[in-house]
N, C-alpha and C. Protein backbone atom coordinates (compact mmCIF):
# COMPACT_ATOMS: atom_id res chain seq x y z
N UNK A 1 -112.64 -113.13 214.77
CA UNK A 1 -112.18 -112.14 213.81
C UNK A 1 -112.31 -110.75 214.44
N UNK A 2 -111.22 -110.00 214.43
CA UNK A 2 -111.20 -108.66 214.99
C UNK A 2 -111.26 -107.65 213.84
N UNK A 3 -112.42 -107.05 213.64
CA UNK A 3 -112.61 -106.15 212.51
C UNK A 3 -112.87 -104.74 213.02
N UNK A 4 -112.17 -103.76 212.43
CA UNK A 4 -112.35 -102.37 212.79
C UNK A 4 -113.24 -101.70 211.74
N UNK A 5 -114.26 -101.00 212.21
CA UNK A 5 -115.14 -100.28 211.29
C UNK A 5 -114.66 -98.84 211.16
N UNK A 6 -114.57 -98.38 209.94
CA UNK A 6 -114.19 -96.99 209.69
C UNK A 6 -115.40 -96.08 209.85
N UNK A 7 -115.16 -94.91 210.38
CA UNK A 7 -116.21 -93.91 210.52
C UNK A 7 -116.33 -93.13 209.21
N UNK A 8 -117.41 -92.40 209.07
CA UNK A 8 -117.60 -91.50 207.93
C UNK A 8 -117.74 -90.09 208.47
N UNK A 9 -117.10 -89.15 207.77
CA UNK A 9 -117.10 -87.75 208.18
C UNK A 9 -117.57 -86.87 207.03
N UNK A 10 -118.39 -85.89 207.37
CA UNK A 10 -118.89 -84.92 206.40
C UNK A 10 -118.27 -83.57 206.74
N UNK A 11 -117.45 -83.05 205.83
CA UNK A 11 -116.79 -81.77 206.03
C UNK A 11 -117.53 -80.71 205.23
N UNK A 12 -118.10 -79.73 205.96
CA UNK A 12 -118.88 -78.69 205.30
C UNK A 12 -117.99 -77.51 204.96
N UNK A 13 -118.11 -77.03 203.73
CA UNK A 13 -117.34 -75.87 203.26
C UNK A 13 -118.29 -74.90 202.59
N UNK A 14 -118.08 -73.62 202.84
CA UNK A 14 -118.84 -72.59 202.15
C UNK A 14 -118.02 -72.14 200.95
N UNK A 15 -118.51 -72.48 199.78
CA UNK A 15 -117.78 -72.19 198.55
C UNK A 15 -117.51 -70.70 198.38
N UNK A 16 -118.45 -69.85 198.80
CA UNK A 16 -118.28 -68.41 198.63
C UNK A 16 -117.22 -67.83 199.57
N UNK A 17 -116.92 -68.50 200.66
CA UNK A 17 -115.94 -68.01 201.63
C UNK A 17 -114.55 -68.62 201.42
N UNK A 18 -114.50 -69.78 200.78
CA UNK A 18 -113.25 -70.54 200.77
C UNK A 18 -112.70 -70.79 199.37
N UNK A 19 -113.44 -70.52 198.33
CA UNK A 19 -112.97 -70.82 196.99
C UNK A 19 -112.94 -72.32 196.71
N UNK A 20 -113.90 -73.03 197.28
CA UNK A 20 -113.95 -74.49 197.20
C UNK A 20 -113.99 -75.00 195.77
N UNK A 21 -114.80 -74.39 194.94
CA UNK A 21 -114.94 -74.88 193.56
C UNK A 21 -113.62 -74.84 192.81
N UNK A 22 -112.90 -73.73 192.91
CA UNK A 22 -111.60 -73.61 192.24
C UNK A 22 -110.60 -74.59 192.82
N UNK A 23 -110.59 -74.72 194.13
CA UNK A 23 -109.65 -75.62 194.80
C UNK A 23 -109.87 -77.06 194.34
N UNK A 24 -111.11 -77.52 194.36
CA UNK A 24 -111.40 -78.90 193.98
C UNK A 24 -111.16 -79.14 192.49
N UNK A 25 -111.41 -78.13 191.65
CA UNK A 25 -111.21 -78.35 190.21
C UNK A 25 -109.75 -78.63 189.91
N UNK A 26 -108.83 -78.02 190.64
CA UNK A 26 -107.41 -78.30 190.42
C UNK A 26 -107.02 -79.66 190.97
N UNK A 27 -107.68 -80.13 192.01
CA UNK A 27 -107.35 -81.41 192.61
C UNK A 27 -107.87 -82.57 191.76
N UNK A 28 -109.01 -82.39 191.11
CA UNK A 28 -109.56 -83.46 190.28
C UNK A 28 -108.73 -83.68 189.02
N UNK A 29 -107.95 -82.68 188.63
CA UNK A 29 -107.11 -82.80 187.44
C UNK A 29 -105.77 -83.46 187.76
N UNK A 30 -105.50 -83.70 189.03
CA UNK A 30 -104.24 -84.30 189.43
C UNK A 30 -104.52 -85.36 190.49
N UNK A 31 -103.47 -86.01 190.94
CA UNK A 31 -103.63 -87.01 192.00
C UNK A 31 -103.25 -86.43 193.35
N UNK A 32 -103.16 -85.11 193.43
CA UNK A 32 -102.80 -84.47 194.70
C UNK A 32 -103.91 -84.65 195.73
N UNK A 33 -103.53 -84.82 196.99
CA UNK A 33 -104.56 -84.93 198.03
C UNK A 33 -105.23 -83.58 198.28
N UNK A 34 -106.42 -83.63 198.85
CA UNK A 34 -107.16 -82.43 199.27
C UNK A 34 -106.90 -82.26 200.76
N UNK A 35 -106.49 -81.07 201.15
CA UNK A 35 -106.21 -80.79 202.56
C UNK A 35 -107.33 -79.94 203.15
N UNK A 36 -107.84 -80.37 204.29
CA UNK A 36 -108.88 -79.63 204.99
C UNK A 36 -108.46 -79.46 206.45
N UNK A 37 -108.82 -78.34 207.04
CA UNK A 37 -108.59 -78.09 208.45
C UNK A 37 -109.88 -78.36 209.20
N UNK A 38 -109.78 -79.09 210.29
CA UNK A 38 -110.97 -79.38 211.09
C UNK A 38 -110.86 -78.69 212.44
N UNK A 39 -112.01 -78.28 212.97
CA UNK A 39 -112.05 -77.61 214.27
C UNK A 39 -112.63 -78.51 215.35
N UNK A 40 -113.39 -79.52 214.95
CA UNK A 40 -114.00 -80.42 215.92
C UNK A 40 -113.68 -81.86 215.55
N UNK A 41 -113.69 -82.71 216.53
CA UNK A 41 -113.53 -84.16 216.35
C UNK A 41 -112.17 -84.57 215.81
N UNK A 42 -111.17 -83.70 215.87
CA UNK A 42 -109.87 -84.06 215.29
C UNK A 42 -109.26 -85.29 215.93
N UNK A 43 -109.57 -85.56 217.19
CA UNK A 43 -109.03 -86.76 217.86
C UNK A 43 -109.78 -88.03 217.47
N UNK A 44 -110.99 -87.87 216.95
CA UNK A 44 -111.79 -89.03 216.56
C UNK A 44 -111.61 -89.42 215.09
N UNK A 45 -111.06 -88.53 214.29
CA UNK A 45 -110.85 -88.79 212.86
C UNK A 45 -109.57 -89.62 212.70
N UNK A 46 -109.69 -90.75 211.99
CA UNK A 46 -108.57 -91.67 211.85
C UNK A 46 -108.26 -91.98 210.40
N UNK A 47 -107.02 -92.36 210.14
CA UNK A 47 -106.61 -92.81 208.81
C UNK A 47 -107.52 -93.96 208.39
N UNK A 48 -107.99 -93.90 207.16
CA UNK A 48 -108.88 -94.94 206.63
C UNK A 48 -110.35 -94.61 206.75
N UNK A 49 -110.71 -93.59 207.56
CA UNK A 49 -112.11 -93.17 207.66
C UNK A 49 -112.57 -92.60 206.32
N UNK A 50 -113.86 -92.71 206.06
CA UNK A 50 -114.45 -92.14 204.85
C UNK A 50 -114.60 -90.63 205.04
N UNK A 51 -114.37 -89.87 203.98
CA UNK A 51 -114.48 -88.42 204.04
C UNK A 51 -115.34 -87.92 202.89
N UNK A 52 -116.26 -87.03 203.21
CA UNK A 52 -117.13 -86.41 202.20
C UNK A 52 -117.06 -84.90 202.39
N UNK A 53 -117.00 -84.17 201.29
CA UNK A 53 -117.00 -82.70 201.35
C UNK A 53 -118.36 -82.22 200.88
N UNK A 54 -119.02 -81.46 201.77
CA UNK A 54 -120.34 -80.90 201.50
C UNK A 54 -120.18 -79.42 201.16
N UNK A 55 -120.66 -79.02 199.99
CA UNK A 55 -120.65 -77.60 199.61
C UNK A 55 -121.93 -76.98 200.13
N UNK A 56 -121.81 -75.98 201.00
CA UNK A 56 -122.97 -75.28 201.55
C UNK A 56 -123.30 -74.09 200.66
N UNK A 57 -124.53 -73.62 200.74
CA UNK A 57 -124.94 -72.45 199.97
C UNK A 57 -125.58 -72.84 198.65
N UNK A 58 -125.38 -72.02 197.61
CA UNK A 58 -125.94 -72.32 196.30
C UNK A 58 -125.34 -73.60 195.76
N UNK A 59 -126.16 -74.40 195.07
CA UNK A 59 -125.71 -75.66 194.51
C UNK A 59 -125.11 -76.58 195.57
N UNK A 60 -125.77 -76.63 196.70
CA UNK A 60 -125.25 -77.42 197.83
C UNK A 60 -125.31 -78.91 197.54
N UNK A 61 -124.47 -79.63 198.21
CA UNK A 61 -124.44 -81.08 198.11
C UNK A 61 -123.04 -81.63 198.28
N UNK A 62 -122.92 -82.93 198.26
CA UNK A 62 -121.62 -83.58 198.35
C UNK A 62 -120.88 -83.40 197.03
N UNK A 63 -119.68 -82.85 197.10
CA UNK A 63 -118.91 -82.56 195.88
C UNK A 63 -117.61 -83.36 195.79
N UNK A 64 -117.28 -84.08 196.86
CA UNK A 64 -116.06 -84.90 196.84
C UNK A 64 -116.16 -85.99 197.88
N UNK A 65 -115.52 -87.11 197.61
CA UNK A 65 -115.45 -88.18 198.59
C UNK A 65 -114.07 -88.80 198.52
N UNK A 66 -113.66 -89.38 199.62
CA UNK A 66 -112.34 -90.00 199.66
C UNK A 66 -112.10 -90.66 200.99
N UNK A 67 -110.84 -90.87 201.31
CA UNK A 67 -110.41 -91.50 202.55
C UNK A 67 -109.45 -90.58 203.26
N UNK A 68 -109.49 -90.63 204.58
CA UNK A 68 -108.54 -89.87 205.40
C UNK A 68 -107.19 -90.58 205.33
N UNK A 69 -106.15 -89.82 205.03
CA UNK A 69 -104.80 -90.40 204.96
C UNK A 69 -103.86 -89.72 205.94
């Protein structure tokens, strides 16, 4: 059996610099995808990998999860 394991990625966002809270609140009300720009590891990130969004700063923590499409 040839099984491929998906990687997991944690994308850190500073809510005070990016407006993360407002952006995510509009996405949770619809089925629209969330778009993020990455600066590192872009060649290692693959469709089907797990994705987590980490809010840095006040009220920090994982605020979204999904799959890379």
